[in-house]
Amino acid sequence: MASHKSKKSSKPPKVEVVVPKEKSDTKILAFIERCENPAELESLIRNATGLGNLVVAEKAFRRRISLVPVETPGTMEHDFWQTVHAFEYALSAERGRTVKLSRTRQKVADVGVAQTLRNWAPGSQEAAGFQMLLARGMPEFTGEATTLRHPEHFEPQILEAARERLTKAGVDLSALT
């Protein structure tokens, strides 16, 4: 009769520590708030998007966009360049290659940020960028929102055109400030 000896493993059983998603997201979101490195944020955006974690991806995206402009935060110029970078980033992700808004950048070089925003406002046709930013849930990055946040730079008819376009699109104006 053969004897069967049970083999006992000398290693203790491996215990997996499962961190609840809410707790891990809280840590990641806290990291995002203090992160100053656009490359790290881009990596987080890609990873979170790949995992389907849209909350983390969105927060990392917004933080990345806030870091890119060299202008002083809170200024019209900073807000404008956030708009440009948000749109460029969205187009780049969509097309799988780097996209720069060359015509917009040239326009700003020629006439400045305020005049570029003035030129965007009165047209009856919504720009593709306006629609794309709204479709991505980013109305605060539209040129119209930037115009309304900095009324001291614009004439009443420009402000009214921006208000009207956002209102027609169903944007809550009180959420833009």
Protein backbone atom coordinates (compact mmCIF):
# COMPACT_ATOMS: atom_id res chain seq x y z
CA MET A 1 0.00 0.00 0.00
CA ALA A 2 1.42 3.33 -1.00
CA SER A 3 1.51 6.04 1.51
CA HIS A 4 0.31 9.44 0.48
CA LYS A 5 1.95 12.27 2.22
CA SER A 6 0.30 15.57 1.78
CA LYS A 7 2.66 18.21 0.59
CA LYS A 8 2.52 21.26 2.71
CA SER A 9 3.69 24.47 1.22
CA SER A 10 6.24 26.26 3.30
CA LYS A 11 4.87 29.58 2.05
CA PRO A 12 1.81 31.07 3.68
CA PRO A 13 -1.14 31.51 1.35
CA LYS A 14 -1.01 34.72 -0.64
CA VAL A 15 -3.59 37.19 0.55
CA GLU A 16 -4.72 39.82 -1.88
CA VAL A 17 -5.49 43.17 -0.40
CA VAL A 18 -8.41 44.66 -2.23
CA VAL A 19 -8.69 48.38 -1.85
CA PRO A 20 -12.20 49.64 -2.45
CA LYS A 21 -12.37 51.66 -5.69
CA GLU A 22 -13.68 54.72 -3.84
CA LYS A 23 -10.66 54.72 -1.52
CA SER A 24 -8.11 54.27 -4.31
CA ASP A 25 -9.86 56.96 -6.38
CA THR A 26 -9.68 59.32 -3.40
CA LYS A 27 -5.91 58.87 -3.24
CA ILE A 28 -5.50 59.29 -6.98
CA LEU A 29 -7.72 62.38 -7.03
CA ALA A 30 -5.69 63.90 -4.19
CA PHE A 31 -2.50 63.19 -6.14
CA ILE A 32 -3.99 64.85 -9.23
CA GLU A 33 -4.84 68.01 -7.27
CA ARG A 34 -1.23 68.49 -6.22
CA CYS A 35 0.45 67.19 -9.39
CA GLU A 36 2.45 69.80 -11.30
CA ASN A 37 3.74 67.51 -14.07
CA PRO A 38 1.71 67.51 -17.32
CA ALA A 39 3.40 64.27 -18.51
CA GLU A 40 2.33 62.40 -15.36
CA LEU A 41 -1.20 63.72 -15.79
CA GLU A 42 -1.27 62.61 -19.43
CA SER A 43 -0.22 59.12 -18.31
CA LEU A 44 -3.02 59.11 -15.74
CA ILE A 45 -5.51 60.23 -18.39
CA ARG A 46 -4.50 57.38 -20.72
CA ASN A 47 -4.50 54.74 -17.98
CA ALA A 48 -7.77 55.86 -16.42
CA THR A 49 -9.46 56.05 -19.82
CA GLY A 50 -8.20 52.56 -20.66
CA LEU A 51 -9.62 51.24 -17.40
CA GLY A 52 -12.91 53.07 -17.93
CA ASN A 53 -12.40 55.33 -14.91
CA LEU A 54 -13.81 58.51 -16.38
CA VAL A 55 -13.85 60.39 -13.06
CA VAL A 56 -10.07 60.11 -12.71
CA ALA A 57 -9.48 60.74 -16.43
CA GLU A 58 -11.62 63.89 -16.36
CA LYS A 59 -9.99 65.26 -13.21
CA ALA A 60 -6.48 64.60 -14.60
CA PHE A 61 -7.44 66.22 -17.91
CA ARG A 62 -8.74 69.36 -16.23
CA ARG A 63 -5.65 69.60 -14.03
CA ARG A 64 -3.36 69.13 -17.03
CA ILE A 65 -5.13 71.86 -18.96
CA SER A 66 -4.86 74.24 -16.00
CA LEU A 67 -1.07 73.78 -15.85
CA VAL A 68 -0.19 74.29 -19.50
CA PRO A 69 -0.67 78.04 -20.04
CA VAL A 70 2.25 80.13 -18.81
CA GLU A 71 -0.01 83.13 -18.27
CA THR A 72 -1.14 84.03 -14.77
CA PRO A 73 -4.12 81.92 -13.62
CA GLY A 74 -7.35 83.89 -13.48
CA THR A 75 -6.44 86.17 -16.36
CA MET A 76 -8.28 86.28 -19.66
CA GLU A 77 -5.11 85.11 -21.40
CA HIS A 78 -4.75 82.06 -19.14
CA ASP A 79 -8.40 81.13 -19.64
CA PHE A 80 -8.08 81.57 -23.40
CA TRP A 81 -5.00 79.35 -23.64
CA GLN A 82 -6.73 76.71 -21.52
CA THR A 83 -9.46 76.72 -24.18
CA VAL A 84 -6.91 76.30 -26.96
CA HIS A 85 -5.05 73.52 -25.13
CA ALA A 86 -8.27 71.71 -24.21
CA PHE A 87 -9.41 71.72 -27.83
CA GLU A 88 -5.99 70.72 -29.16
CA TYR A 89 -5.76 67.87 -26.65
CA ALA A 90 -9.26 66.64 -27.51
CA LEU A 91 -8.53 66.76 -31.25
CA SER A 92 -5.18 65.04 -30.77
CA ALA A 93 -6.79 62.21 -28.79
CA GLU A 94 -9.54 61.86 -31.38
CA ARG A 95 -7.19 61.83 -34.38
CA GLY A 96 -4.33 59.90 -32.83
CA ARG A 97 -1.77 62.55 -33.68
CA THR A 98 -0.72 65.94 -32.36
CA VAL A 99 -3.02 68.73 -33.50
CA LYS A 100 -2.24 72.41 -33.08
CA LEU A 101 -4.69 75.22 -33.80
CA SER A 102 -2.29 77.05 -36.10
CA ARG A 103 -4.80 79.56 -37.44
CA THR A 104 -5.99 80.47 -33.96
CA ARG A 105 -2.42 80.86 -32.75
CA GLN A 106 -1.59 83.06 -35.76
CA LYS A 107 -4.72 85.15 -35.18
CA VAL A 108 -3.69 85.76 -31.56
CA ALA A 109 -0.18 86.71 -32.69
CA ASP A 110 -1.71 89.20 -35.14
CA VAL A 111 -4.53 90.79 -33.11
CA GLY A 112 -4.26 89.52 -29.51
CA VAL A 113 -6.45 87.37 -27.28
CA ALA A 114 -9.26 89.88 -26.65
CA GLN A 115 -9.77 90.65 -30.34
CA THR A 116 -9.71 86.95 -31.22
CA LEU A 117 -12.48 86.34 -28.66
CA ARG A 118 -14.41 89.35 -30.00
CA ASN A 119 -14.24 87.88 -33.50
CA TRP A 120 -15.59 84.52 -32.28
CA ALA A 121 -18.60 85.94 -30.43
CA PRO A 122 -20.94 87.65 -32.90
CA GLY A 123 -21.21 84.98 -35.60
CA SER A 124 -24.52 83.21 -35.90
CA GLN A 125 -22.71 79.96 -36.76
CA GLU A 126 -21.35 77.98 -33.83
CA ALA A 127 -17.74 76.98 -34.28
CA ALA A 128 -16.88 73.28 -34.44
CA GLY A 129 -14.71 73.81 -31.36
CA PHE A 130 -17.67 75.14 -29.42
CA GLN A 131 -19.72 72.04 -30.24
CA MET A 132 -16.85 69.66 -29.54
CA LEU A 133 -16.16 71.20 -26.12
CA LEU A 134 -19.86 71.05 -25.22
CA ALA A 135 -20.09 67.43 -26.38
CA ARG A 136 -17.22 66.60 -24.04
CA GLY A 137 -18.90 68.35 -21.11
CA MET A 138 -16.47 71.26 -21.05
CA PRO A 139 -18.55 74.42 -21.54
CA GLU A 140 -16.21 76.35 -19.24
CA PHE A 141 -13.45 76.01 -21.85
CA THR A 142 -15.41 77.68 -24.65
CA GLY A 143 -14.37 81.11 -25.85
CA GLU A 144 -17.84 82.33 -24.92
CA ALA A 145 -17.33 81.27 -21.30
CA THR A 146 -13.94 83.00 -21.23
CA THR A 147 -15.58 86.16 -22.56
CA LEU A 148 -18.22 86.10 -19.82
CA ARG A 149 -15.62 85.52 -17.09
CA HIS A 150 -13.75 88.65 -18.19
CA PRO A 151 -16.47 91.20 -19.04
CA GLU A 152 -14.17 94.15 -18.42
CA HIS A 153 -12.44 93.41 -21.77
CA PHE A 154 -15.59 93.28 -23.93
CA GLU A 155 -18.40 95.46 -25.23
CA PRO A 156 -21.99 94.73 -24.13
CA GLN A 157 -23.00 93.30 -27.54
CA ILE A 158 -20.09 90.82 -27.42
CA LEU A 159 -21.08 89.71 -23.92
CA GLU A 160 -24.72 89.35 -25.00
CA ALA A 161 -23.74 87.25 -28.04
CA ALA A 162 -21.66 84.94 -25.82
CA ARG A 163 -24.52 84.64 -23.28
CA GLU A 164 -27.03 83.92 -26.02
CA ARG A 165 -24.92 81.22 -27.68
CA LEU A 166 -24.30 79.42 -24.39
CA THR A 167 -27.94 79.71 -23.32
CA LYS A 168 -29.19 78.35 -26.66
CA ALA A 169 -26.83 75.41 -26.20
CA GLY A 170 -28.42 74.68 -22.82
CA VAL A 171 -25.43 75.73 -20.70
CA ASP A 172 -26.09 76.86 -17.14
CA LEU A 173 -24.36 80.23 -17.09
CA SER A 174 -24.13 80.29 -13.28
CA ALA A 175 -21.91 77.19 -13.41
CA LEU A 176 -19.28 78.91 -15.57
CA THR A 177 -17.88 81.35 -13.05
